[in-house]
């Protein structure tokens, strides 16, 4: 049974609060590639991911799009509009079959007022959000495309099973998607990734994209800040 108690942000709620606020939320299902939130729409609810995955995309002035992040089960989005009542700042789309909990703005605000634990968790979440966006802004402002690529590959990777000295991106992402993540062109991403493969830093395998030399890739990414 769907319950607000399943979401980490709301772990501080009592059983009575969960039951009361649960009755005021709505659960909906989405198909892959279905639009969930459109840029600049006026909705103000917070949406929690029960299962599935969504993609957050920002549209630039010149018409290009930048992928900000992918969110999975247990995470949430839409909190900015719920706090200030402003228009949506990004486009959100389901990447797989996804089930969401819609929490009305009034319910979200009531929870924050009633539960100091949830309010503190929300403040920590927002601080982390600001830090991540600040880092991304600095990368877009000061780093060349190849250094942004190195940093993004490291962010997307996780430790490789059985090879703790390596990392892997699995499944491997299309080069066009990686280009959207770093605000670059697919041709540039293709060229730089081939260069990394020739140097033995990157390797394509059936399981995904393997970073054979993570420390060397970190050094290359750091060089962007001093060059």
N, C-alpha and C. Protein backbone atom coordinates (compact mmCIF):
# COMPACT_ATOMS: atom_id res chain seq x y z
N UNK A 1 0.84 -1.20 0.00
CA UNK A 1 0.00 0.00 0.00
C UNK A 1 0.87 1.24 0.00
N UNK A 2 0.52 2.22 -0.84
CA UNK A 2 1.31 3.45 -0.92
C UNK A 2 1.28 4.19 0.41
N UNK A 3 2.44 4.66 0.85
CA UNK A 3 2.50 5.36 2.12
C UNK A 3 3.62 6.40 2.10
N UNK A 4 3.36 7.55 2.72
CA UNK A 4 4.38 8.59 2.83
C UNK A 4 5.56 8.13 3.68
N UNK A 5 5.34 7.12 4.51
CA UNK A 5 6.41 6.61 5.38
C UNK A 5 7.54 5.98 4.57
N UNK A 6 7.31 5.69 3.28
CA UNK A 6 8.33 5.06 2.45
C UNK A 6 9.39 6.04 1.95
N UNK A 7 9.16 7.35 2.14
CA UNK A 7 10.08 8.33 1.59
C UNK A 7 11.04 8.84 2.66
N UNK A 8 12.35 8.78 2.42
CA UNK A 8 13.35 9.18 3.42
C UNK A 8 13.13 10.59 3.97
N UNK A 9 12.72 11.54 3.13
CA UNK A 9 12.52 12.90 3.60
C UNK A 9 11.51 12.96 4.74
N UNK A 10 10.53 12.07 4.72
CA UNK A 10 9.42 12.12 5.66
C UNK A 10 9.57 11.13 6.81
N UNK A 11 10.78 10.65 7.01
CA UNK A 11 11.02 9.65 8.06
C UNK A 11 10.70 10.18 9.45
N UNK A 12 10.71 11.50 9.63
CA UNK A 12 10.45 12.07 10.94
C UNK A 12 8.98 12.19 11.30
N UNK A 13 8.08 11.83 10.40
CA UNK A 13 6.65 11.93 10.70
C UNK A 13 6.20 10.81 11.64
N UNK A 14 5.23 11.13 12.49
CA UNK A 14 4.64 10.11 13.36
C UNK A 14 3.65 9.27 12.56
N UNK A 15 3.23 8.16 13.13
CA UNK A 15 2.25 7.31 12.45
C UNK A 15 0.94 8.07 12.23
N UNK A 16 0.55 8.87 13.20
CA UNK A 16 -0.69 9.65 13.06
C UNK A 16 -0.57 10.66 11.93
N UNK A 17 0.58 11.32 11.82
CA UNK A 17 0.79 12.29 10.75
C UNK A 17 0.80 11.61 9.39
N UNK A 18 1.46 10.47 9.30
CA UNK A 18 1.50 9.73 8.03
C UNK A 18 0.09 9.39 7.58
N UNK A 19 -0.72 8.86 8.49
CA UNK A 19 -2.09 8.48 8.14
C UNK A 19 -2.91 9.69 7.71
N UNK A 20 -2.74 10.80 8.44
CA UNK A 20 -3.53 12.00 8.14
C UNK A 20 -3.14 12.62 6.81
N UNK A 21 -1.83 12.78 6.59
CA UNK A 21 -1.38 13.43 5.36
C UNK A 21 -1.49 12.49 4.15
N UNK A 22 -1.38 11.19 4.41
CA UNK A 22 -1.51 10.21 3.32
C UNK A 22 -2.85 10.35 2.61
N UNK A 23 -3.89 10.61 3.39
CA UNK A 23 -5.24 10.70 2.84
C UNK A 23 -5.42 11.94 1.96
N UNK A 24 -4.50 12.88 2.04
CA UNK A 24 -4.62 14.12 1.26
C UNK A 24 -3.74 14.12 0.01
N UNK A 25 -3.04 13.01 -0.25
CA UNK A 25 -2.17 12.91 -1.42
C UNK A 25 -2.81 12.01 -2.49
N UNK A 26 -2.28 12.12 -3.69
CA UNK A 26 -2.80 11.35 -4.83
C UNK A 26 -1.63 10.62 -5.49
N UNK A 27 -1.87 9.37 -5.92
CA UNK A 27 -0.82 8.59 -6.59
C UNK A 27 -1.19 8.42 -8.07
N UNK A 28 -0.19 8.59 -8.93
CA UNK A 28 -0.43 8.48 -10.38
C UNK A 28 0.69 7.69 -11.05
N UNK A 29 0.36 7.05 -12.16
CA UNK A 29 1.34 6.28 -12.94
C UNK A 29 1.66 7.00 -14.25
N UNK A 30 2.90 6.84 -14.70
CA UNK A 30 3.36 7.44 -15.96
C UNK A 30 4.08 6.41 -16.80
N UNK A 31 3.95 6.56 -18.10
CA UNK A 31 4.63 5.69 -19.05
C UNK A 31 5.99 6.29 -19.42
N UNK A 32 6.90 5.47 -19.97
CA UNK A 32 8.19 6.00 -20.40
C UNK A 32 8.03 7.15 -21.40
N UNK A 33 8.83 8.19 -21.24
CA UNK A 33 8.84 9.38 -22.09
C UNK A 33 7.61 10.27 -21.91
N UNK A 34 6.78 9.98 -20.92
CA UNK A 34 5.60 10.82 -20.69
C UNK A 34 5.99 12.06 -19.89
N UNK A 35 5.48 13.22 -20.33
CA UNK A 35 5.79 14.48 -19.66
C UNK A 35 5.08 14.54 -18.30
N UNK A 36 5.83 14.90 -17.26
CA UNK A 36 5.27 15.01 -15.91
C UNK A 36 5.08 16.47 -15.54
N UNK A 37 6.10 17.28 -15.75
CA UNK A 37 6.04 18.72 -15.50
C UNK A 37 6.64 19.44 -16.69
N UNK A 38 5.97 20.48 -17.15
CA UNK A 38 6.50 21.28 -18.26
C UNK A 38 7.12 22.55 -17.70
N UNK A 39 8.14 23.00 -18.39
CA UNK A 39 8.84 24.23 -18.00
C UNK A 39 7.86 25.41 -17.95
N UNK A 40 7.88 26.16 -16.86
CA UNK A 40 7.07 27.36 -16.65
C UNK A 40 5.58 27.08 -16.41
N UNK A 41 5.21 25.83 -16.14
CA UNK A 41 3.81 25.60 -15.78
C UNK A 41 3.59 26.08 -14.34
N UNK A 42 2.33 26.23 -13.94
CA UNK A 42 2.01 26.90 -12.68
C UNK A 42 1.63 25.95 -11.54
N UNK A 43 1.79 24.65 -11.71
CA UNK A 43 1.47 23.73 -10.62
C UNK A 43 2.43 23.92 -9.46
N UNK A 44 1.98 23.60 -8.23
CA UNK A 44 2.81 23.86 -7.05
C UNK A 44 2.93 22.66 -6.11
N UNK A 45 2.51 21.47 -6.54
CA UNK A 45 2.63 20.31 -5.66
C UNK A 45 4.05 19.74 -5.67
N UNK A 46 4.36 18.98 -4.64
CA UNK A 46 5.63 18.25 -4.57
C UNK A 46 5.34 16.82 -5.00
N UNK A 47 6.26 16.22 -5.78
CA UNK A 47 6.01 14.88 -6.31
C UNK A 47 7.11 13.92 -5.87
N UNK A 48 6.69 12.88 -5.19
CA UNK A 48 7.61 11.87 -4.66
C UNK A 48 7.58 10.65 -5.58
N UNK A 49 8.75 10.06 -5.79
CA UNK A 49 8.87 8.92 -6.70
C UNK A 49 8.71 7.62 -5.92
N UNK A 50 7.61 6.92 -6.16
CA UNK A 50 7.37 5.63 -5.52
C UNK A 50 8.23 4.57 -6.18
N UNK A 51 8.20 4.53 -7.50
CA UNK A 51 9.05 3.62 -8.28
C UNK A 51 9.27 4.23 -9.65
N UNK A 52 10.38 3.82 -10.29
CA UNK A 52 10.70 4.34 -11.61
C UNK A 52 11.82 5.35 -11.58
N UNK A 53 11.83 6.21 -12.59
CA UNK A 53 12.92 7.17 -12.75
C UNK A 53 12.42 8.35 -13.58
N UNK A 54 12.87 9.55 -13.21
CA UNK A 54 12.50 10.75 -13.98
C UNK A 54 13.76 11.53 -14.34
N UNK A 55 13.65 12.32 -15.37
CA UNK A 55 14.78 13.16 -15.83
C UNK A 55 14.42 14.63 -15.72
N UNK A 56 15.33 15.40 -15.13
CA UNK A 56 15.15 16.84 -14.96
C UNK A 56 15.95 17.56 -16.04
N UNK A 57 15.29 18.37 -16.85
CA UNK A 57 15.94 19.05 -17.97
C UNK A 57 15.62 20.54 -17.91
N UNK A 58 16.65 21.36 -18.12
CA UNK A 58 16.48 22.82 -18.16
C UNK A 58 16.64 23.29 -19.60
N UNK A 59 15.74 24.14 -20.04
CA UNK A 59 15.82 24.70 -21.39
C UNK A 59 16.57 26.01 -21.35
N UNK A 60 17.59 26.12 -22.22
CA UNK A 60 18.39 27.34 -22.28
C UNK A 60 17.71 28.36 -23.18
N UNK A 61 18.15 29.61 -23.09
CA UNK A 61 17.55 30.71 -23.86
C UNK A 61 17.65 30.44 -25.36
N UNK A 62 18.80 29.89 -25.79
CA UNK A 62 19.00 29.67 -27.22
C UNK A 62 18.30 28.43 -27.75
N UNK A 63 17.50 27.77 -26.90
CA UNK A 63 16.73 26.62 -27.36
C UNK A 63 17.34 25.28 -27.01
N UNK A 64 18.57 25.27 -26.53
CA UNK A 64 19.22 24.01 -26.17
C UNK A 64 18.71 23.53 -24.82
N UNK A 65 18.89 22.24 -24.55
CA UNK A 65 18.49 21.66 -23.28
C UNK A 65 19.69 21.08 -22.56
N UNK A 66 19.69 21.18 -21.24
CA UNK A 66 20.76 20.62 -20.42
C UNK A 66 20.13 19.67 -19.40
N UNK A 67 20.60 18.44 -19.36
CA UNK A 67 20.11 17.46 -18.39
C UNK A 67 20.74 17.78 -17.04
N UNK A 68 19.91 18.09 -16.05
CA UNK A 68 20.43 18.39 -14.72
C UNK A 68 20.64 17.14 -13.90
N UNK A 69 19.68 16.22 -13.95
CA UNK A 69 19.80 15.05 -13.10
C UNK A 69 18.74 14.02 -13.44
N UNK A 70 18.95 12.81 -12.96
CA UNK A 70 17.95 11.75 -12.98
C UNK A 70 17.62 11.41 -11.53
N UNK A 71 16.34 11.28 -11.21
CA UNK A 71 15.91 10.94 -9.86
C UNK A 71 15.21 9.59 -9.88
N UNK A 72 15.42 8.81 -8.80
CA UNK A 72 14.82 7.49 -8.71
C UNK A 72 13.92 7.34 -7.50
N UNK A 73 13.54 6.10 -7.21
CA UNK A 73 12.60 5.80 -6.13
C UNK A 73 13.08 6.38 -4.80
N UNK A 74 12.15 7.00 -4.07
CA UNK A 74 12.46 7.59 -2.78
C UNK A 74 12.79 9.06 -2.84
N UNK A 75 13.15 9.54 -4.04
CA UNK A 75 13.48 10.95 -4.19
C UNK A 75 12.24 11.76 -4.56
N UNK A 76 12.41 13.07 -4.65
CA UNK A 76 11.26 13.94 -4.91
C UNK A 76 11.71 15.15 -5.71
N UNK A 77 10.73 15.88 -6.26
CA UNK A 77 11.02 17.09 -7.03
C UNK A 77 9.80 18.00 -6.96
N UNK A 78 9.98 19.25 -7.35
CA UNK A 78 8.89 20.21 -7.34
C UNK A 78 8.81 21.04 -6.07
N UNK A 79 9.79 20.87 -5.18
CA UNK A 79 9.74 21.56 -3.89
C UNK A 79 9.92 23.08 -4.01
N UNK A 80 10.62 23.55 -5.07
CA UNK A 80 10.85 24.98 -5.20
C UNK A 80 9.54 25.74 -5.40
N UNK A 81 8.71 25.26 -6.32
CA UNK A 81 7.41 25.91 -6.56
C UNK A 81 6.49 25.79 -5.35
N UNK A 82 6.62 24.69 -4.60
CA UNK A 82 5.79 24.52 -3.41
C UNK A 82 6.19 25.51 -2.32
N UNK A 83 7.46 25.95 -2.32
CA UNK A 83 7.94 26.89 -1.31
C UNK A 83 7.61 28.33 -1.68
N UNK A 84 7.90 28.71 -2.94
CA UNK A 84 7.71 30.13 -3.28
C UNK A 84 6.51 30.41 -4.18
N UNK A 85 5.83 29.37 -4.65
CA UNK A 85 4.66 29.56 -5.50
C UNK A 85 4.98 29.99 -6.91
N UNK A 86 6.25 29.97 -7.28
CA UNK A 86 6.66 30.40 -8.62
C UNK A 86 6.41 29.36 -9.68
N UNK A 87 6.69 29.73 -10.93
CA UNK A 87 6.53 28.80 -12.05
C UNK A 87 7.59 27.71 -12.01
N UNK A 88 7.31 26.60 -12.63
CA UNK A 88 8.27 25.50 -12.67
C UNK A 88 9.53 25.93 -13.42
N UNK A 89 10.68 25.55 -12.90
CA UNK A 89 11.95 26.00 -13.47
C UNK A 89 12.59 24.97 -14.39
N UNK A 90 11.97 23.79 -14.53
CA UNK A 90 12.55 22.74 -15.35
C UNK A 90 11.47 21.84 -15.93
N UNK A 91 11.87 21.03 -16.87
CA UNK A 91 11.00 20.04 -17.51
C UNK A 91 11.30 18.68 -16.88
N UNK A 92 10.26 17.92 -16.53
CA UNK A 92 10.46 16.60 -15.91
C UNK A 92 9.72 15.56 -16.73
N UNK A 93 10.43 14.48 -17.10
CA UNK A 93 9.87 13.42 -17.92
C UNK A 93 10.19 12.06 -17.33
N UNK A 94 9.26 11.13 -17.39
CA UNK A 94 9.53 9.76 -16.95
C UNK A 94 10.42 9.07 -17.97
N UNK A 95 11.46 8.38 -17.52
CA UNK A 95 12.34 7.65 -18.43
C UNK A 95 11.96 6.17 -18.51
N UNK A 96 11.25 5.68 -17.50
CA UNK A 96 10.72 4.31 -17.48
C UNK A 96 9.31 4.39 -16.87
N UNK A 97 8.64 3.25 -16.75
CA UNK A 97 7.35 3.27 -16.07
C UNK A 97 7.55 3.78 -14.65
N UNK A 98 6.77 4.78 -14.27
CA UNK A 98 7.02 5.48 -13.02
C UNK A 98 5.71 5.72 -12.26
N UNK A 99 5.78 5.59 -10.94
CA UNK A 99 4.62 5.88 -10.08
C UNK A 99 5.01 7.01 -9.13
N UNK A 100 4.15 8.03 -9.06
CA UNK A 100 4.43 9.21 -8.26
C UNK A 100 3.35 9.45 -7.22
N UNK A 101 3.77 10.08 -6.14
CA UNK A 101 2.85 10.59 -5.13
C UNK A 101 2.78 12.10 -5.28
N UNK A 102 1.58 12.63 -5.52
CA UNK A 102 1.37 14.07 -5.62
C UNK A 102 0.98 14.61 -4.25
N UNK A 103 1.83 15.47 -3.70
CA UNK A 103 1.54 16.09 -2.41
C UNK A 103 1.19 17.56 -2.63
N UNK A 104 -0.06 17.97 -2.35
CA UNK A 104 -0.44 19.37 -2.55
C UNK A 104 0.45 20.32 -1.75
N UNK A 105 0.59 21.53 -2.28
CA UNK A 105 1.40 22.54 -1.62
C UNK A 105 0.98 22.75 -0.16
N UNK A 106 -0.32 22.77 0.09
CA UNK A 106 -0.82 23.00 1.45
C UNK A 106 -0.39 21.89 2.40
N UNK A 107 -0.36 20.65 1.91
CA UNK A 107 0.07 19.52 2.73
C UNK A 107 1.57 19.60 3.00
N UNK A 108 2.33 19.92 1.98
CA UNK A 108 3.78 20.05 2.13
C UNK A 108 4.12 21.13 3.17
N UNK A 109 3.45 22.26 3.09
CA UNK A 109 3.70 23.34 4.04
C UNK A 109 3.29 22.93 5.46
N UNK A 110 2.15 22.25 5.60
CA UNK A 110 1.71 21.80 6.91
C UNK A 110 2.71 20.84 7.54
N UNK A 111 3.25 19.93 6.73
CA UNK A 111 4.25 18.98 7.23
C UNK A 111 5.49 19.72 7.73
N UNK A 112 5.96 20.69 6.94
CA UNK A 112 7.16 21.44 7.33
C UNK A 112 6.94 22.22 8.62
N UNK A 113 5.74 22.76 8.81
CA UNK A 113 5.43 23.51 10.03
C UNK A 113 5.29 22.57 11.24
N UNK A 114 4.73 21.38 11.02
CA UNK A 114 4.46 20.46 12.13
C UNK A 114 5.68 19.64 12.55
N UNK A 115 6.56 19.34 11.59
CA UNK A 115 7.67 18.42 11.88
C UNK A 115 9.03 19.12 11.72
N UNK A 116 9.70 19.45 12.83
CA UNK A 116 11.05 20.02 12.75
C UNK A 116 12.04 19.09 12.04
N UNK A 117 11.86 17.77 12.22
CA UNK A 117 12.77 16.82 11.57
C UNK A 117 12.67 16.91 10.05
N UNK A 118 11.45 17.00 9.54
CA UNK A 118 11.26 17.11 8.09
C UNK A 118 11.79 18.46 7.60
N UNK A 119 11.54 19.53 8.36
CA UNK A 119 12.02 20.85 7.97
C UNK A 119 13.54 20.88 7.89
N UNK A 120 14.20 20.26 8.87
CA UNK A 120 15.66 20.22 8.86
C UNK A 120 16.18 19.39 7.69
N UNK A 121 15.53 18.27 7.43
CA UNK A 121 15.92 17.43 6.29
C UNK A 121 15.74 18.19 4.98
N UNK A 122 14.67 18.99 4.88
CA UNK A 122 14.44 19.78 3.68
C UNK A 122 15.52 20.85 3.52
N UNK A 123 15.91 21.50 4.62
CA UNK A 123 16.97 22.50 4.54
C UNK A 123 18.28 21.88 4.07
N UNK A 124 18.59 20.70 4.59
CA UNK A 124 19.80 20.00 4.15
C UNK A 124 19.73 19.65 2.67
N UNK A 125 18.55 19.24 2.23
CA UNK A 125 18.35 18.92 0.81
C UNK A 125 18.58 20.16 -0.06
N UNK A 126 18.02 21.28 0.34
CA UNK A 126 18.16 22.51 -0.44
C UNK A 126 19.60 23.00 -0.46
N UNK A 127 20.30 22.87 0.66
CA UNK A 127 21.72 23.25 0.69
C UNK A 127 22.51 22.40 -0.29
N UNK A 128 22.26 21.09 -0.28
CA UNK A 128 22.95 20.22 -1.23
C UNK A 128 22.63 20.57 -2.67
N UNK A 129 21.37 20.95 -2.91
CA UNK A 129 20.94 21.35 -4.25
C UNK A 129 21.70 22.59 -4.72
N UNK A 130 21.82 23.58 -3.82
CA UNK A 130 22.54 24.81 -4.16
C UNK A 130 24.01 24.51 -4.43
N UNK A 131 24.62 23.68 -3.62
CA UNK A 131 26.04 23.34 -3.82
C UNK A 131 26.26 22.65 -5.17
N UNK A 132 25.38 21.71 -5.50
CA UNK A 132 25.53 21.00 -6.77
C UNK A 132 25.37 21.95 -7.95
N UNK A 133 24.36 22.83 -7.88
CA UNK A 133 24.15 23.78 -8.97
C UNK A 133 25.30 24.77 -9.08
N UNK A 134 25.87 25.17 -7.94
CA UNK A 134 27.01 26.08 -7.95
C UNK A 134 28.21 25.43 -8.63
N UNK A 135 28.42 24.14 -8.32
CA UNK A 135 29.52 23.42 -8.95
C UNK A 135 29.31 23.28 -10.45
N UNK A 136 28.07 22.98 -10.85
CA UNK A 136 27.78 22.85 -12.28
C UNK A 136 27.97 24.19 -12.99
N UNK A 137 27.51 25.28 -12.36
CA UNK A 137 27.65 26.60 -12.96
C UNK A 137 29.12 26.94 -13.14
N UNK A 138 29.93 26.63 -12.13
CA UNK A 138 31.36 26.91 -12.23
C UNK A 138 31.98 26.11 -13.38
N UNK A 139 31.57 24.84 -13.52
CA UNK A 139 32.10 24.02 -14.62
C UNK A 139 31.72 24.61 -15.96
N UNK A 140 30.44 24.99 -16.13
CA UNK A 140 30.00 25.55 -17.40
C UNK A 140 30.71 26.87 -17.70
N UNK A 141 31.06 27.63 -16.66
CA UNK A 141 31.65 28.96 -16.85
C UNK A 141 33.15 28.90 -17.12
N UNK A 142 33.85 27.95 -16.48
CA UNK A 142 35.31 28.00 -16.50
C UNK A 142 36.00 26.82 -17.18
N UNK A 143 35.30 25.70 -17.34
CA UNK A 143 35.95 24.52 -17.90
C UNK A 143 35.66 24.35 -19.38
N UNK A 144 36.64 23.82 -20.10
CA UNK A 144 36.42 23.44 -21.49
C UNK A 144 35.52 22.19 -21.53
N UNK A 145 34.96 21.93 -22.70
CA UNK A 145 34.03 20.81 -22.84
C UNK A 145 34.67 19.49 -22.43
N UNK A 146 35.94 19.28 -22.77
CA UNK A 146 36.56 18.00 -22.45
C UNK A 146 36.71 17.81 -20.94
N UNK A 147 36.97 18.89 -20.20
CA UNK A 147 37.11 18.78 -18.75
C UNK A 147 35.73 18.58 -18.10
N UNK A 148 34.69 19.19 -18.67
CA UNK A 148 33.34 18.94 -18.18
C UNK A 148 32.96 17.48 -18.41
N UNK A 149 33.41 16.93 -19.54
CA UNK A 149 33.15 15.53 -19.84
C UNK A 149 33.81 14.63 -18.82
N UNK A 150 35.08 14.89 -18.51
CA UNK A 150 35.80 14.06 -17.54
C UNK A 150 35.06 14.06 -16.19
N UNK A 151 34.65 15.25 -15.75
CA UNK A 151 33.95 15.36 -14.46
C UNK A 151 32.62 14.63 -14.49
N UNK A 152 31.89 14.72 -15.61
CA UNK A 152 30.58 14.06 -15.70
C UNK A 152 30.72 12.55 -15.72
N UNK A 153 31.73 12.04 -16.42
CA UNK A 153 31.95 10.59 -16.45
C UNK A 153 32.20 10.06 -15.04
N UNK A 154 32.96 10.79 -14.27
CA UNK A 154 33.23 10.37 -12.89
C UNK A 154 31.96 10.41 -12.05
N UNK A 155 31.13 11.45 -12.23
CA UNK A 155 29.88 11.55 -11.48
C UNK A 155 28.92 10.41 -11.81
N UNK A 156 28.88 10.03 -13.08
CA UNK A 156 27.94 9.00 -13.53
C UNK A 156 28.38 7.59 -13.14
N UNK A 157 29.64 7.42 -12.81
CA UNK A 157 30.20 6.09 -12.58
C UNK A 157 30.00 5.61 -11.15
N UNK A 158 30.15 4.32 -10.97
CA UNK A 158 30.11 3.69 -9.65
C UNK A 158 31.22 2.64 -9.61
N UNK A 159 31.63 2.20 -8.41
CA UNK A 159 32.68 1.17 -8.33
C UNK A 159 32.30 -0.07 -9.13
N UNK A 160 33.28 -0.63 -9.81
CA UNK A 160 33.03 -1.82 -10.62
C UNK A 160 33.14 -3.08 -9.78
N UNK A 161 32.14 -3.94 -9.86
CA UNK A 161 32.13 -5.17 -9.08
C UNK A 161 33.32 -6.04 -9.45
N UNK A 162 34.07 -6.47 -8.45
CA UNK A 162 35.21 -7.34 -8.68
C UNK A 162 36.48 -6.61 -9.05
N UNK A 163 36.38 -5.32 -9.33
CA UNK A 163 37.57 -4.51 -9.68
C UNK A 163 37.47 -3.18 -8.96
N UNK A 164 37.88 -3.15 -7.71
CA UNK A 164 37.72 -1.95 -6.89
C UNK A 164 38.60 -0.80 -7.36
N UNK A 165 39.57 -1.10 -8.21
CA UNK A 165 40.43 -0.05 -8.75
C UNK A 165 39.82 0.61 -9.98
N UNK A 166 38.65 0.11 -10.42
CA UNK A 166 38.00 0.65 -11.61
C UNK A 166 36.58 1.13 -11.26
N UNK A 167 36.01 1.91 -12.19
CA UNK A 167 34.63 2.36 -12.06
C UNK A 167 33.90 2.05 -13.37
N UNK A 168 32.56 2.03 -13.31
CA UNK A 168 31.79 1.69 -14.50
C UNK A 168 30.53 2.53 -14.59
N UNK A 169 30.14 2.85 -15.82
CA UNK A 169 28.86 3.48 -16.10
C UNK A 169 28.01 2.43 -16.79
N UNK A 170 27.00 1.94 -16.09
CA UNK A 170 26.19 0.85 -16.63
C UNK A 170 24.71 1.09 -16.35
N UNK A 171 23.90 1.06 -17.43
CA UNK A 171 24.29 0.85 -18.82
C UNK A 171 25.01 2.08 -19.38
N UNK A 172 25.77 1.86 -20.44
CA UNK A 172 26.48 2.98 -21.08
C UNK A 172 25.46 3.94 -21.69
N UNK A 173 25.68 5.22 -21.47
CA UNK A 173 24.74 6.22 -21.99
C UNK A 173 25.08 6.61 -23.43
N UNK A 174 24.08 6.96 -24.23
CA UNK A 174 24.37 7.47 -25.58
C UNK A 174 25.21 8.75 -25.50
N UNK A 175 26.07 8.92 -26.47
CA UNK A 175 26.94 10.10 -26.47
C UNK A 175 26.13 11.39 -26.56
N UNK A 176 25.01 11.36 -27.26
CA UNK A 176 24.17 12.56 -27.36
C UNK A 176 23.63 12.96 -25.99
N UNK A 177 23.29 11.97 -25.17
CA UNK A 177 22.80 12.27 -23.82
C UNK A 177 23.89 12.85 -22.94
N UNK A 178 25.10 12.30 -23.05
CA UNK A 178 26.22 12.84 -22.28
C UNK A 178 26.48 14.28 -22.70
N UNK A 179 26.39 14.55 -24.01
CA UNK A 179 26.58 15.91 -24.51
C UNK A 179 25.56 16.87 -23.92
N UNK A 180 24.31 16.41 -23.81
CA UNK A 180 23.26 17.25 -23.20
C UNK A 180 23.55 17.53 -21.73
N UNK A 181 24.18 16.59 -21.07
CA UNK A 181 24.48 16.77 -19.65
C UNK A 181 25.57 17.81 -19.42
N UNK A 182 26.47 17.98 -20.38
CA UNK A 182 27.58 18.92 -20.19
C UNK A 182 27.46 20.14 -21.10
N UNK A 183 26.29 20.30 -21.74
CA UNK A 183 26.04 21.44 -22.63
C UNK A 183 27.10 21.52 -23.73
N UNK A 184 27.26 20.41 -24.45
CA UNK A 184 28.23 20.36 -25.54
C UNK A 184 27.59 19.65 -26.73
N UNK A 185 28.41 19.27 -27.71
CA UNK A 185 27.93 18.59 -28.91
C UNK A 185 28.38 17.14 -28.91
N UNK A 186 27.57 16.30 -29.53
CA UNK A 186 27.89 14.87 -29.56
C UNK A 186 29.23 14.62 -30.22
N UNK A 187 29.57 15.39 -31.26
CA UNK A 187 30.83 15.19 -31.97
C UNK A 187 32.03 15.41 -31.05
N UNK A 188 31.93 16.40 -30.17
CA UNK A 188 33.02 16.69 -29.24
C UNK A 188 33.15 15.55 -28.23
N UNK A 189 32.01 15.09 -27.72
CA UNK A 189 32.03 13.98 -26.76
C UNK A 189 32.63 12.74 -27.40
N UNK A 190 32.24 12.43 -28.63
CA UNK A 190 32.76 11.27 -29.34
C UNK A 190 34.28 11.36 -29.51
N UNK A 191 34.75 12.52 -29.91
CA UNK A 191 36.19 12.71 -30.13
C UNK A 191 36.99 12.53 -28.83
N UNK A 192 36.51 13.14 -27.75
CA UNK A 192 37.24 13.08 -26.49
C UNK A 192 37.19 11.69 -25.87
N UNK A 193 36.06 11.00 -26.03
CA UNK A 193 35.98 9.65 -25.48
C UNK A 193 36.88 8.69 -26.24
N UNK A 194 37.00 8.86 -27.54
CA UNK A 194 37.93 8.03 -28.32
C UNK A 194 39.36 8.28 -27.88
N UNK A 195 39.68 9.53 -27.57
CA UNK A 195 41.02 9.86 -27.09
C UNK A 195 41.30 9.18 -25.75
N UNK A 196 40.30 9.14 -24.88
CA UNK A 196 40.46 8.45 -23.59
C UNK A 196 40.64 6.95 -23.79
N UNK A 197 39.95 6.40 -24.76
CA UNK A 197 40.09 4.97 -25.05
C UNK A 197 41.50 4.67 -25.56
N UNK A 198 42.03 5.52 -26.41
CA UNK A 198 43.38 5.29 -26.94
C UNK A 198 44.42 5.34 -25.82
N UNK A 199 44.16 6.12 -24.79
CA UNK A 199 45.10 6.24 -23.68
C UNK A 199 44.89 5.16 -22.62
N UNK A 200 43.90 4.31 -22.82
CA UNK A 200 43.65 3.22 -21.89
C UNK A 200 42.91 3.64 -20.64
N UNK A 201 42.38 4.85 -20.61
CA UNK A 201 41.64 5.35 -19.45
C UNK A 201 40.20 4.85 -19.48
N UNK A 202 39.66 4.72 -20.68
CA UNK A 202 38.27 4.34 -20.88
C UNK A 202 38.21 3.08 -21.73
N UNK A 203 37.24 2.23 -21.46
CA UNK A 203 37.09 1.00 -22.23
C UNK A 203 35.61 0.63 -22.33
N UNK A 204 35.17 0.27 -23.52
CA UNK A 204 33.79 -0.17 -23.71
C UNK A 204 33.72 -1.68 -23.50
N UNK A 205 32.72 -2.10 -22.72
CA UNK A 205 32.53 -3.52 -22.48
C UNK A 205 31.05 -3.84 -22.60
N UNK A 206 30.71 -5.12 -22.57
CA UNK A 206 29.30 -5.51 -22.67
C UNK A 206 28.50 -5.02 -21.46
N UNK A 207 29.20 -4.82 -20.34
CA UNK A 207 28.51 -4.39 -19.13
C UNK A 207 28.32 -2.89 -19.03
N UNK A 208 29.01 -2.13 -19.88
CA UNK A 208 28.89 -0.68 -19.82
C UNK A 208 30.18 0.00 -20.22
N UNK A 209 30.36 1.19 -19.75
CA UNK A 209 31.54 1.99 -20.05
C UNK A 209 32.46 1.94 -18.84
N UNK A 210 33.64 1.37 -18.99
CA UNK A 210 34.55 1.14 -17.87
C UNK A 210 35.60 2.26 -17.81
N UNK A 211 35.74 2.84 -16.63
CA UNK A 211 36.84 3.79 -16.38
C UNK A 211 37.97 2.97 -15.77
N UNK A 212 38.95 2.63 -16.59
CA UNK A 212 40.04 1.75 -16.16
C UNK A 212 41.01 2.45 -15.22
N UNK A 213 41.16 3.76 -15.41
CA UNK A 213 42.11 4.54 -14.61
C UNK A 213 41.39 5.74 -13.99
N UNK A 214 40.59 5.53 -12.95
CA UNK A 214 39.83 6.63 -12.35
C UNK A 214 40.71 7.77 -11.84
N UNK A 215 41.83 7.43 -11.22
CA UNK A 215 42.70 8.48 -10.68
C UNK A 215 43.28 9.35 -11.79
N UNK A 216 43.62 8.72 -12.91
CA UNK A 216 44.15 9.50 -14.03
C UNK A 216 43.06 10.41 -14.61
N UNK A 217 41.82 9.92 -14.66
CA UNK A 217 40.72 10.74 -15.16
C UNK A 217 40.45 11.91 -14.20
N UNK A 218 40.58 11.67 -12.90
CA UNK A 218 40.42 12.76 -11.92
C UNK A 218 41.49 13.82 -12.13
N UNK A 219 42.72 13.39 -12.40
CA UNK A 219 43.80 14.36 -12.63
C UNK A 219 43.52 15.19 -13.88
N UNK A 220 43.03 14.54 -14.93
CA UNK A 220 42.70 15.27 -16.15
C UNK A 220 41.59 16.28 -15.91
N UNK A 221 40.58 15.88 -15.12
CA UNK A 221 39.48 16.80 -14.81
C UNK A 221 39.99 17.98 -14.00
N UNK A 222 40.90 17.72 -13.05
CA UNK A 222 41.43 18.81 -12.21
C UNK A 222 42.28 19.78 -12.99
N UNK A 223 42.92 19.31 -14.05
CA UNK A 223 43.78 20.19 -14.86
C UNK A 223 42.98 21.33 -15.50
N UNK A 224 41.68 21.12 -15.67
CA UNK A 224 40.85 22.16 -16.28
C UNK A 224 40.78 23.42 -15.45
N UNK A 225 40.95 23.27 -14.13
CA UNK A 225 40.87 24.44 -13.24
C UNK A 225 42.17 25.22 -13.19
N UNK A 226 43.26 24.63 -13.69
CA UNK A 226 44.56 25.32 -13.65
C UNK A 226 45.08 25.71 -15.02
N UNK A 227 44.43 25.20 -16.08
CA UNK A 227 44.92 25.50 -17.43
C UNK A 227 44.41 26.86 -17.92
